[in-house]
C-alpha atoms as a PDB file:
ATOM      1  CA  MET A   1     -10.666   8.800  -8.290  1.00  0.00           C
ATOM      2  CA  PHE A   2      -8.945   6.109  -6.712  1.00  0.00           C
ATOM      3  CA  VAL A   3      -9.051   2.738  -8.592  1.00  0.00           C
ATOM      4  CA  ILE A   4      -8.907  -0.264  -6.774  1.00  0.00           C
ATOM      5  CA  TRP A   5      -9.320  -2.908  -9.578  1.00  0.00           C
ATOM      6  CA  ALA A   6      -8.583  -2.961 -13.126  1.00  0.00           C
ATOM      7  CA  GLY A   7      -8.098  -5.351 -16.042  1.00  0.00           C
ATOM      8  CA  CYS A   8      -4.822  -6.668 -16.646  1.00  0.00           C
ATOM      9  CA  THR A   9      -2.149  -5.537 -19.157  1.00  0.00           C
ATOM     10  CA  ALA A  10       0.503  -7.169 -21.677  1.00  0.00           C
ATOM     11  CA  PRO A  11       2.834  -9.521 -19.941  1.00  0.00           C
ATOM     12  CA  HIS A  12       5.661  -8.222 -18.074  1.00  0.00           C
ATOM     13  CA  GLN A  13       8.729 -10.243 -17.576  1.00  0.00           C
ATOM     14  CA  THR A  14      10.029 -11.158 -13.774  1.00  0.00           C
ATOM     15  CA  ASN A  15      13.494  -9.303 -13.133  1.00  0.00           C
ATOM     16  CA  ALA A  16      13.645  -7.669 -16.552  1.00  0.00           C
ATOM     17  CA  ARG A  17      16.779  -5.576 -16.945  1.00  0.00           C
ATOM     18  CA  THR A  18      15.305  -2.775 -19.095  1.00  0.00           C
ATOM     19  CA  ARG A  19      15.636   0.078 -16.706  1.00  0.00           C
ATOM     20  CA  PRO A  20      12.528   2.160 -16.486  1.00  0.00           C
ATOM     21  CA  GLU A  21      13.015   5.736 -17.441  1.00  0.00           C
ATOM     22  CA  ALA A  22      12.218   8.382 -14.709  1.00  0.00           C
ATOM     23  CA  GLY A  23       8.958  10.100 -14.960  1.00  0.00           C
ATOM     24  CA  PRO A  24       8.488  13.916 -14.703  1.00  0.00           C
ATOM     25  CA  SER A  25       8.816  15.606 -11.165  1.00  0.00           C
ATOM     26  CA  THR A  26       7.279  18.847  -9.942  1.00  0.00           C
ATOM     27  CA  ALA A  27       7.872  19.728  -6.379  1.00  0.00           C
ATOM     28  CA  ALA A  28       4.454  19.810  -4.338  1.00  0.00           C
ATOM     29  CA  LEU A  29       4.091  22.283  -1.669  1.00  0.00           C
ATOM     30  CA  PHE A  30       4.043  22.087   1.932  1.00  0.00           C
ATOM     31  CA  ALA A  31       1.321  24.345   3.190  1.00  0.00           C
ATOM     32  CA  GLU A  32       2.116  26.934   5.889  1.00  0.00           C
ATOM     33  CA  LYS A  33      -1.235  26.560   7.350  1.00  0.00           C
ATOM     34  CA  PRO A  34      -2.537  23.100   7.022  1.00  0.00           C
ATOM     35  CA  GLY A  35      -6.345  22.832   6.791  1.00  0.00           C
ATOM     36  CA  THR A  36      -7.587  21.320   3.525  1.00  0.00           C
ATOM     37  CA  THR A  37     -10.394  19.063   3.992  1.00  0.00           C
ATOM     38  CA  ILE A  38      -9.606  15.189   3.341  1.00  0.00           C
ATOM     39  CA  ARG A  39     -11.954  14.053   0.426  1.00  0.00           C
ATOM     40  CA  THR A  40     -10.914  10.527  -0.302  1.00  0.00           C
ATOM     41  CA  PRO A  41      -8.377   9.098   2.254  1.00  0.00           C
ATOM     42  CA  ALA A  42      -6.834   6.197   0.538  1.00  0.00           C
ATOM     43  CA  ARG A  43      -3.371   5.081   1.546  1.00  0.00           C
ATOM     44  CA  ILE A  44      -1.871   5.354   5.027  1.00  0.00           C
ATOM     45  CA  ALA A  45       1.629   5.095   6.528  1.00  0.00           C
ATOM     46  CA  VAL A  46       2.847   5.365  10.064  1.00  0.00           C
ATOM     47  CA  GLY A  47       6.097   7.041  10.891  1.00  0.00           C
ATOM     48  CA  SER A  48       8.331   6.059  13.819  1.00  0.00           C
ATOM     49  CA  ASP A  49       7.182   8.968  15.944  1.00  0.00           C
ATOM     50  CA  GLY A  50       3.576   8.031  15.515  1.00  0.00           C
ATOM     51  CA  THR A  51       2.659  10.725  12.620  1.00  0.00           C
ATOM     52  CA  ILE A  52      -0.066   9.397  10.390  1.00  0.00           C
ATOM     53  CA  TYR A  53       0.200  10.042   6.682  1.00  0.00           C
ATOM     54  CA  VAL A  54      -2.698   9.696   4.397  1.00  0.00           C
ATOM     55  CA  SER A  55      -2.932  10.197   0.628  1.00  0.00           C
ATOM     56  CA  ASP A  56      -5.965  11.569  -0.905  1.00  0.00           C
ATOM     57  CA  PRO A  57      -5.914  11.293  -4.831  1.00  0.00           C
ATOM     58  CA  GLU A  58      -9.213  13.353  -5.190  1.00  0.00           C
ATOM     59  CA  ALA A  59      -7.961  16.344  -3.289  1.00  0.00           C
ATOM     60  CA  ASN A  60      -4.345  15.816  -4.514  1.00  0.00           C
ATOM     61  CA  LEU A  61      -2.642  16.159  -1.131  1.00  0.00           C
ATOM     62  CA  VAL A  62      -0.900  14.223   1.602  1.00  0.00           C
ATOM     63  CA  THR A  63      -1.485  15.080   5.135  1.00  0.00           C
ATOM     64  CA  GLY A  64       0.428  14.112   8.212  1.00  0.00           C
ATOM     65  CA  GLU A  65      -1.165  14.136  11.728  1.00  0.00           C
ATOM     66  CA  HIS A  66       0.374  13.742  15.137  1.00  0.00           C
ATOM     67  CA  ALA A  67      -1.744  13.243  18.108  1.00  0.00           C
ATOM     68  CA  GLY A  68      -4.568  14.632  16.299  1.00  0.00           C
ATOM     69  CA  VAL A  69      -3.049  17.447  15.159  1.00  0.00           C
ATOM     70  CA  ARG A  70      -2.166  18.353  11.074  1.00  0.00           C
ATOM     71  CA  VAL A  71       1.575  18.795  10.934  1.00  0.00           C
ATOM     72  CA  ILE A  72       2.233  18.372   7.413  1.00  0.00           C
ATOM     73  CA  GLU A  73      -0.148  19.159   4.247  1.00  0.00           C
ATOM     74  CA  LEU A  74       1.623  18.441   0.787  1.00  0.00           C
ATOM     75  CA  THR A  75      -0.344  20.073  -1.879  1.00  0.00           C
ATOM     76  CA  GLY A  76      -0.008  20.230  -5.650  1.00  0.00           C
ATOM     77  CA  LEU A  77       0.242  16.612  -6.113  1.00  0.00           C
ATOM     78  CA  ASP A  78      -1.241  14.985  -9.043  1.00  0.00           C
ATOM     79  CA  ARG A  79      -3.364  12.026  -8.076  1.00  0.00           C
ATOM     80  CA  PRO A  80      -1.317  10.656  -5.168  1.00  0.00           C
ATOM     81  CA  LEU A  81      -1.563   6.891  -4.543  1.00  0.00           C
ATOM     82  CA  GLY A  82       0.856   4.832  -2.395  1.00  0.00           C
ATOM     83  CA  ILE A  83       2.647   6.507   0.268  1.00  0.00           C
ATOM     84  CA  ALA A  84       5.465   5.442   2.748  1.00  0.00           C
ATOM     85  CA  VAL A  85       7.701   6.896   5.313  1.00  0.00           C
ATOM     86  CA  SER A  86      11.134   5.886   6.430  1.00  0.00           C
ATOM     87  CA  GLY A  87      13.247   8.063   8.690  1.00  0.00           C
ATOM     88  CA  ASN A  88      12.989  11.539   7.582  1.00  0.00           C
ATOM     89  CA  LYS A  89      11.878  10.739   3.896  1.00  0.00           C
ATOM     90  CA  LEU A  90       8.249  10.534   2.608  1.00  0.00           C
ATOM     91  CA  TYR A  91       7.675   8.450  -0.535  1.00  0.00           C
ATOM     92  CA  VAL A  92       4.558   9.501  -2.422  1.00  0.00           C
ATOM     93  CA  GLY A  93       3.326   7.659  -5.589  1.00  0.00           C
ATOM     94  CA  ASN A  94       2.404  10.522  -7.757  1.00  0.00           C
ATOM     95  CA  GLY A  95      -0.095   8.614  -9.976  1.00  0.00           C
ATOM     96  CA  GLY A  96      -0.538  11.527 -12.602  1.00  0.00           C
ATOM     97  CA  HIS A  97       3.484  11.819 -13.028  1.00  0.00           C
ATOM     98  CA  HIS A  98       4.024   7.913 -13.014  1.00  0.00           C
ATOM     99  CA  ASN A  99       6.714   8.098 -10.502  1.00  0.00           C
ATOM    100  CA  VAL A 100       7.539   8.114  -6.782  1.00  0.00           C
ATOM    101  CA  GLU A 101       8.485  11.408  -5.375  1.00  0.00           C
ATOM    102  CA  VAL A 102      10.799  11.424  -2.420  1.00  0.00           C
ATOM    103  CA  TYR A 103      10.371  14.472   0.082  1.00  0.00           C
ATOM    104  CA  ASP A 104      12.760  15.275   2.785  1.00  0.00           C
ATOM    105  CA  LEU A 105      10.548  15.847   6.024  1.00  0.00           C
ATOM    106  CA  THR A 106      13.452  18.156   7.672  1.00  0.00           C
ATOM    107  CA  SER A 107      13.945  20.550   4.980  1.00  0.00           C
ATOM    108  CA  ARG A 108      10.558  19.848   3.377  1.00  0.00           C
ATOM    109  CA  LYS A 109      11.798  19.797  -0.157  1.00  0.00           C
ATOM    110  CA  LEU A 110      11.558  17.371  -3.044  1.00  0.00           C
ATOM    111  CA  ILE A 111      15.072  15.498  -3.118  1.00  0.00           C
ATOM    112  CA  GLY A 112      14.345  12.883  -5.799  1.00  0.00           C
ATOM    113  CA  ALA A 113      12.108  10.736  -7.576  1.00  0.00           C
ATOM    114  CA  LEU A 114      12.067   6.974  -8.508  1.00  0.00           C
ATOM    115  CA  GLY A 115      10.481   6.138 -11.822  1.00  0.00           C
ATOM    116  CA  ALA A 116       8.899   5.423 -14.175  1.00  0.00           C
ATOM    117  CA  VAL A 117       6.051   3.641 -12.627  1.00  0.00           C
ATOM    118  CA  ASP A 118       2.809   3.575 -14.402  1.00  0.00           C
ATOM    119  CA  MET A 119       0.556   3.546 -11.441  1.00  0.00           C
ATOM    120  CA  PRO A 120       2.292   3.611  -8.144  1.00  0.00           C
ATOM    121  CA  ASN A 121      -0.413   2.071  -6.047  1.00  0.00           C
ATOM    122  CA  ALA A 122       1.406   0.960  -2.861  1.00  0.00           C
ATOM    123  CA  ILE A 123       4.800   1.492  -1.505  1.00  0.00           C
ATOM    124  CA  SER A 124       6.987  -0.078   1.101  1.00  0.00           C
ATOM    125  CA  VAL A 125      10.491   0.581   2.514  1.00  0.00           C
ATOM    126  CA  ALA A 126      12.498  -2.348   4.033  1.00  0.00           C
ATOM    127  CA  PRO A 127      14.596  -1.796   6.985  1.00  0.00           C
ATOM    128  CA  ASP A 128      17.648  -1.287   4.891  1.00  0.00           C
ATOM    129  CA  GLY A 129      16.058   1.380   2.603  1.00  0.00           C
ATOM    130  CA  VAL A 130      15.167  -0.940  -0.412  1.00  0.00           C
ATOM    131  CA  VAL A 131      11.902   0.611  -1.884  1.00  0.00           C
ATOM    132  CA  TYR A 132       9.131  -1.561  -3.153  1.00  0.00           C
ATOM    133  CA  VAL A 133       6.522   0.020  -5.493  1.00  0.00           C
ATOM    134  CA  ALA A 134       3.474  -2.057  -6.471  1.00  0.00           C
ATOM    135  CA  ASP A 135       2.858  -0.751 -10.211  1.00  0.00           C
ATOM    136  CA  SER A 136      -0.689  -2.270 -10.735  1.00  0.00           C
ATOM    137  CA  THR A 137      -1.196  -1.762 -14.145  1.00  0.00           C
ATOM    138  CA  LYS A 138       2.103  -3.349 -15.266  1.00  0.00           C
ATOM    139  CA  ASP A 139       1.510  -6.461 -12.929  1.00  0.00           C
ATOM    140  CA  VAL A 140       4.919  -6.048 -11.319  1.00  0.00           C
ATOM    141  CA  VAL A 141       6.479  -4.703  -8.118  1.00  0.00           C
ATOM    142  CA  ARG A 142       9.299  -2.365  -8.908  1.00  0.00           C
ATOM    143  CA  VAL A 143      12.540  -2.559  -6.608  1.00  0.00           C
ATOM    144  CA  PHE A 144      14.779   0.420  -5.931  1.00  0.00           C
ATOM    145  CA  GLU A 145      17.984   0.316  -4.292  1.00  0.00           C
ATOM    146  CA  GLY A 146      20.037   3.435  -3.566  1.00  0.00           C
ATOM    147  CA  GLY A 147      17.742   5.593  -5.668  1.00  0.00           C
ATOM    148  CA  HIS A 148      17.995   3.232  -8.555  1.00  0.00           C
ATOM    149  CA  TRP A 149      15.874   0.506 -10.087  1.00  0.00           C
ATOM    150  CA  SER A 150      17.239  -2.691  -9.591  1.00  0.00           C
ATOM    151  CA  MET A 151      14.672  -5.384 -10.628  1.00  0.00           C
ATOM    152  CA  ASP A 152      10.803  -6.362 -10.970  1.00  0.00           C
ATOM    153  CA  LEU A 153       8.975  -9.032  -9.154  1.00  0.00           C
ATOM    154  CA  GLY A 154       5.962 -10.423 -10.796  1.00  0.00           C
ATOM    155  CA  GLY A 155       4.900 -10.173 -14.197  1.00  0.00           C
ATOM    156  CA  THR A 156       1.475 -10.867 -15.775  1.00  0.00           C
ATOM    157  CA  GLY A 157      -0.097 -14.495 -15.140  1.00  0.00           C
ATOM    158  CA  THR A 158      -1.552 -16.714 -12.778  1.00  0.00           C
ATOM    159  CA  GLY A 159       1.268 -19.022 -12.094  1.00  0.00           C
ATOM    160  CA  ALA A 160       3.568 -19.025  -8.929  1.00  0.00           C
ATOM    161  CA  GLY A 161       5.396 -15.807  -8.515  1.00  0.00           C
ATOM    162  CA  GLN A 162       3.276 -14.114 -11.266  1.00  0.00           C
ATOM    163  CA  LEU A 163       0.752 -11.110 -10.583  1.00  0.00           C
ATOM    164  CA  ARG A 164      -2.337  -9.490 -11.950  1.00  0.00           C
ATOM    165  CA  PHE A 165      -3.185  -5.912 -10.769  1.00  0.00           C
ATOM    166  CA  PRO A 166      -0.859  -6.143  -7.634  1.00  0.00           C
ATOM    167  CA  VAL A 167      -2.329  -3.275  -5.237  1.00  0.00           C
ATOM    168  CA  ALA A 168      -0.609  -3.907  -1.987  1.00  0.00           C
ATOM    169  CA  VAL A 169       3.140  -4.491  -0.890  1.00  0.00           C
ATOM    170  CA  ALA A 170       4.911  -4.894   2.664  1.00  0.00           C
ATOM    171  CA  ALA A 171       8.632  -5.611   3.093  1.00  0.00           C
ATOM    172  CA  ASP A 172      10.526  -6.490   6.210  1.00  0.00           C
ATOM    173  CA  ALA A 173      13.875  -7.594   6.697  1.00  0.00           C
ATOM    174  CA  THR A 174      13.339 -11.156   5.218  1.00  0.00           C
ATOM    175  CA  ARG A 175      10.411 -11.081   2.860  1.00  0.00           C
ATOM    176  CA  VAL A 176       8.197  -9.216   0.440  1.00  0.00           C
ATOM    177  CA  VAL A 177       4.485  -9.645   0.628  1.00  0.00           C
ATOM    178  CA  VAL A 178       2.569  -8.736  -2.665  1.00  0.00           C
ATOM    179  CA  GLY A 179      -1.351  -8.433  -2.542  1.00  0.00           C
ATOM    180  CA  ASP A 180      -2.234  -9.971  -6.006  1.00  0.00           C
ATOM    181  CA  GLN A 181      -5.723  -8.465  -6.274  1.00  0.00           C
ATOM    182  CA  ALA A 182      -7.085 -10.128  -9.495  1.00  0.00           C
ATOM    183  CA  ASN A 183      -5.728 -13.617  -8.511  1.00  0.00           C
ATOM    184  CA  HIS A 184      -7.128 -13.361  -5.196  1.00  0.00           C
ATOM    185  CA  ARG A 185      -4.346 -14.109  -3.152  1.00  0.00           C
ATOM    186  CA  LEU A 186      -0.968 -13.058  -1.686  1.00  0.00           C
ATOM    187  CA  GLN A 187       2.504 -13.815  -3.220  1.00  0.00           C
ATOM    188  CA  VAL A 188       5.532 -13.998  -1.086  1.00  0.00           C
ATOM    189  CA  PHE A 189       9.037 -13.291  -2.152  1.00  0.00           C
ATOM    190  CA  ASP A 190      12.221 -13.391  -0.296  1.00  0.00           C
ATOM    191  CA  ARG A 191      14.425 -10.225  -0.342  1.00  0.00           C
ATOM    192  CA  ALA A 192      16.541 -11.500  -3.206  1.00  0.00           C
ATOM    193  CA  GLY A 193      13.241 -11.809  -5.293  1.00  0.00           C
ATOM    194  CA  LYS A 194      12.967 -15.391  -5.179  1.00  0.00           C
ATOM    195  CA  PHE A 195       9.373 -16.855  -4.984  1.00  0.00           C
ATOM    196  CA  VAL A 196       8.659 -18.525  -1.688  1.00  0.00           C
ATOM    197  CA  ARG A 197       4.996 -19.114  -1.435  1.00  0.00           C
ATOM    198  CA  SER A 198       1.570 -18.313  -2.458  1.00  0.00           C
ATOM    199  CA  ILE A 199      -1.194 -17.782   0.103  1.00  0.00           C
ATOM    200  CA  GLY A 200      -4.965 -17.834  -0.154  1.00  0.00           C
ATOM    201  CA  ASP A 201      -7.382 -18.121  -2.870  1.00  0.00           C
ATOM    202  CA  GLU A 202     -10.848 -16.631  -4.077  1.00  0.00           C
ATOM    203  CA  ALA A 203     -13.197 -16.640  -1.065  1.00  0.00           C
ATOM    204  CA  THR A 204     -16.779 -18.186  -1.605  1.00  0.00           C
ATOM    205  CA  SER A 205     -18.615 -18.395   1.402  1.00  0.00           C
ATOM    206  CA  ALA A 206     -20.512 -21.182   0.527  1.00  0.00           C
ATOM    207  CA  GLU A 207     -17.487 -23.301  -0.046  1.00  0.00           C
ATOM    208  CA  ASN A 208     -14.463 -22.187   1.808  1.00  0.00           C
ATOM    209  CA  GLY A 209     -15.481 -19.044   4.038  1.00  0.00           C
ATOM    210  CA  PHE A 210     -13.224 -15.919   4.488  1.00  0.00           C
ATOM    211  CA  CYS A 211     -10.574 -16.905   6.832  1.00  0.00           C
ATOM    212  CA  GLY A 212      -7.505 -17.179   4.692  1.00  0.00           C
ATOM    213  CA  HIS A 213      -9.398 -16.702   1.279  1.00  0.00           C
ATOM    214  CA  PHE A 214      -9.805 -13.281  -0.334  1.00  0.00           C
ATOM    215  CA  ASN A 215     -12.314 -11.413  -2.756  1.00  0.00           C
ATOM    216  CA  ARG A 216     -10.380  -8.198  -3.186  1.00  0.00           C
ATOM    217  CA  VAL A 217      -6.957  -7.835  -1.456  1.00  0.00           C
ATOM    218  CA  GLN A 218      -6.490  -4.213  -1.188  1.00  0.00           C
ATOM    219  CA  GLY A 219      -4.079  -3.433   1.720  1.00  0.00           C
ATOM    220  CA  ILE A 220      -1.301  -5.303   3.573  1.00  0.00           C
ATOM    221  CA  ALA A 221       0.548  -4.629   6.920  1.00  0.00           C
ATOM    222  CA  LEU A 222       3.210  -6.683   8.654  1.00  0.00           C
ATOM    223  CA  SER A 223       3.847  -6.724  12.362  1.00  0.00           C
ATOM    224  CA  GLY A 224       6.458  -9.505  13.588  1.00  0.00           C
ATOM    225  CA  ASP A 225       5.432 -12.529  11.985  1.00  0.00           C
ATOM    226  CA  THR A 226       1.852 -11.518  11.431  1.00  0.00           C
ATOM    227  CA  ILE A 227       0.250 -10.519   7.930  1.00  0.00           C
ATOM    228  CA  TYR A 228      -2.870  -8.488   8.193  1.00  0.00           C
ATOM    229  CA  VAL A 229      -4.638  -8.322   4.886  1.00  0.00           C
ATOM    230  CA  LEU A 230      -7.388  -5.997   4.055  1.00  0.00           C
ATOM    231  CA  ASP A 231     -10.217  -7.293   1.962  1.00  0.00           C
ATOM    232  CA  ALA A 232     -11.966  -4.447   0.560  1.00  0.00           C
ATOM    233  CA  TYR A 233     -14.920  -6.380  -0.723  1.00  0.00           C
ATOM    234  CA  HIS A 234     -15.969  -7.383   2.667  1.00  0.00           C
ATOM    235  CA  GLY A 235     -14.668  -4.694   4.984  1.00  0.00           C
ATOM    236  CA  HIS A 236     -12.462  -6.936   6.937  1.00  0.00           C
ATOM    237  CA  VAL A 237      -9.072  -7.744   8.001  1.00  0.00           C
ATOM    238  CA  VAL A 238      -7.749 -11.310   7.491  1.00  0.00           C
ATOM    239  CA  VAL A 239      -5.074 -12.089  10.201  1.00  0.00           C
ATOM    240  CA  LEU A 240      -2.479 -14.765   9.082  1.00  0.00           C
ATOM    241  CA  SER A 241       0.463 -16.007  10.618  1.00  0.00           C
ATOM    242  CA  GLY A 242       3.878 -16.037   8.525  1.00  0.00           C
ATOM    243  CA  ASP A 243       3.114 -19.152   6.938  1.00  0.00           C
ATOM    244  CA  GLY A 244      -0.225 -18.262   5.753  1.00  0.00           C
ATOM    245  CA  THR A 245      -2.260 -19.981   8.414  1.00  0.00           C
ATOM    246  CA  CYS A 246      -5.340 -17.866   9.182  1.00  0.00           C
ATOM    247  CA  GLN A 247      -5.782 -16.765  12.734  1.00  0.00           C
ATOM    248  CA  GLY A 248      -9.221 -15.047  12.323  1.00  0.00           C
ATOM    249  CA  LEU A 249     -10.793 -11.747  10.968  1.00  0.00           C
ATOM    250  CA  MET A 250     -11.170  -8.177  12.324  1.00  0.00           C
ATOM    251  CA  GLY A 251     -13.364  -5.527  11.202  1.00  0.00           C
ATOM    252  CA  HIS A 252     -17.125  -5.209   9.885  1.00  0.00           C
ATOM    253  CA  MET A 253     -18.702  -3.530   6.694  1.00  0.00           C
ATOM    254  CA  GLY A 254     -21.531  -1.220   7.263  1.00  0.00           C
ATOM    255  CA  ASN A 255     -22.624   2.452   8.612  1.00  0.00           C
ATOM    256  CA  CYS A 256     -22.159   1.881  12.324  1.00  0.00           C
ATOM    257  CA  PRO A 257     -19.754   3.967  14.238  1.00  0.00           C
ATOM    258  CA  THR A 258     -17.262   1.252  14.390  1.00  0.00           C
ATOM    259  CA  CYS A 259     -17.903  -0.145  10.827  1.00  0.00           C
ATOM    260  CA  VAL A 260     -16.144   0.477   7.520  1.00  0.00           C
ATOM    261  CA  GLY A 261     -17.330   1.402   4.190  1.00  0.00           C
ATOM    262  CA  LEU A 262     -14.848   0.545   1.074  1.00  0.00           C
ATOM    263  CA  ALA A 263     -11.567   0.588   3.083  1.00  0.00           C
ATOM    264  CA  LEU A 264      -8.409   1.133   0.916  1.00  0.00           C
ATOM    265  CA  ASP A 265      -5.707   0.394   3.101  1.00  0.00           C
ATOM    266  CA  VAL A 266      -4.451  -0.960   6.488  1.00  0.00           C
ATOM    267  CA  ALA A 267      -1.498   0.165   8.729  1.00  0.00           C
ATOM    268  CA  VAL A 268      -0.075  -0.880  12.285  1.00  0.00           C
ATOM    269  CA  LYS A 269      -0.068   2.082  14.899  1.00  0.00           C
ATOM    270  CA  LEU A 270       2.507   2.279  17.527  1.00  0.00           C
ATOM    271  CA  ASP A 271       0.144   0.894  19.961  1.00  0.00           C
ATOM    272  CA  GLY A 272      -0.198  -2.073  17.773  1.00  0.00           C
ATOM    273  CA  LYS A 273      -3.864  -1.251  16.670  1.00  0.00           C
ATOM    274  CA  LEU A 274      -4.937  -1.316  13.343  1.00  0.00           C
ATOM    275  CA  LEU A 275      -5.905   1.785  11.267  1.00  0.00           C
ATOM    276  CA  LEU A 276      -8.196   1.502   8.263  1.00  0.00           C
ATOM    277  CA  THR A 277      -8.916   4.107   5.496  1.00  0.00           C
ATOM    278  CA  ASP A 278     -12.382   4.666   5.038  1.00  0.00           C
ATOM    279  CA  PRO A 279     -13.439   6.994   2.271  1.00  0.00           C
ATOM    280  CA  ASP A 280     -16.869   6.011   2.258  1.00  0.00           C
ATOM    281  CA  HIS A 281     -17.121   7.792   5.321  1.00  0.00           C
ATOM    282  CA  LYS A 282     -14.248  10.363   4.789  1.00  0.00           C
ATOM    283  CA  ARG A 283     -12.195   9.267   7.901  1.00  0.00           C
ATOM    284  CA  LEU A 284      -9.675   6.783   9.454  1.00  0.00           C
ATOM    285  CA  ILE A 285     -10.887   4.073  11.727  1.00  0.00           C
ATOM    286  CA  THR A 286      -8.949   2.326  14.475  1.00  0.00           C
ATOM    287  CA  LEU A 287      -9.946  -1.403  15.049  1.00  0.00           C
ATOM    288  CA  SER A 288     -10.062  -2.115  18.490  1.00  0.00           C
ATOM    289  CA  GLU A 289     -11.979  -5.336  18.675  1.00  0.00           C
ATOM    290  CA  GLU A 290     -10.387  -8.736  19.139  1.00  0.00           C
ATOM    291  CA  VAL A 291      -9.955 -11.426  16.453  1.00  0.00           C
ATOM    292  CA  ARG A 292     -12.923 -13.323  15.682  1.00  0.00           C
END
């Protein structure tokens, strides 16, 4: 089952130069006739053509749907967690293999693996192709350039630039935003790996409300300057400006058609609307409401 929180592990040094060894890779199969039922939609990624990719760690598959039609089904994985798509490459955090497998969407073949990553919970690919992987149980974000590990961001702790169970990562041309779940905050780094700022703290409704405060950061999406942060505990998305100023909330937890259960990820669709995974209801849900 997909884990959204776990205890911390031994300290891990920021930018440690010990190269992680690659984990084992076994090519999964692209099904000729996609149709496997999604059991636990966990992580999502949106391709440049609008295809929506979803990982399902319970069914051990990754699917891709375009305009409501299943066009890709990657089976035979071992607890797939984080996913990302960049160009014609699909990155899959294969949790049981402790690595990130790279598939060519044109040839539909395994073309490489990045590792080792103990728990590849979330993946983001920057515009220049640098890959960031949130390794939750190691309290770091692993950075890969040109297919090779280059450095780690974070390390166990509560101080500036340190992490405790990072579960989300999103990178653009200038920044890397990390969901620091057990510390109830975001940690922002520049692309060189330098710590920039911390955003947020624990949400306690009686004291500081929820706008800009978090109980369980689970997913992050970037759109221009805006940072969207999924708080799985409350089933809502916190909308932030680039400097961390809260702009409001979106989404509600519940059982109504437009409500979410235990949401596990957030992404921005090509039309600018937010898409959440909702494993409680075994579906994806698009937020069409305004920021409140």
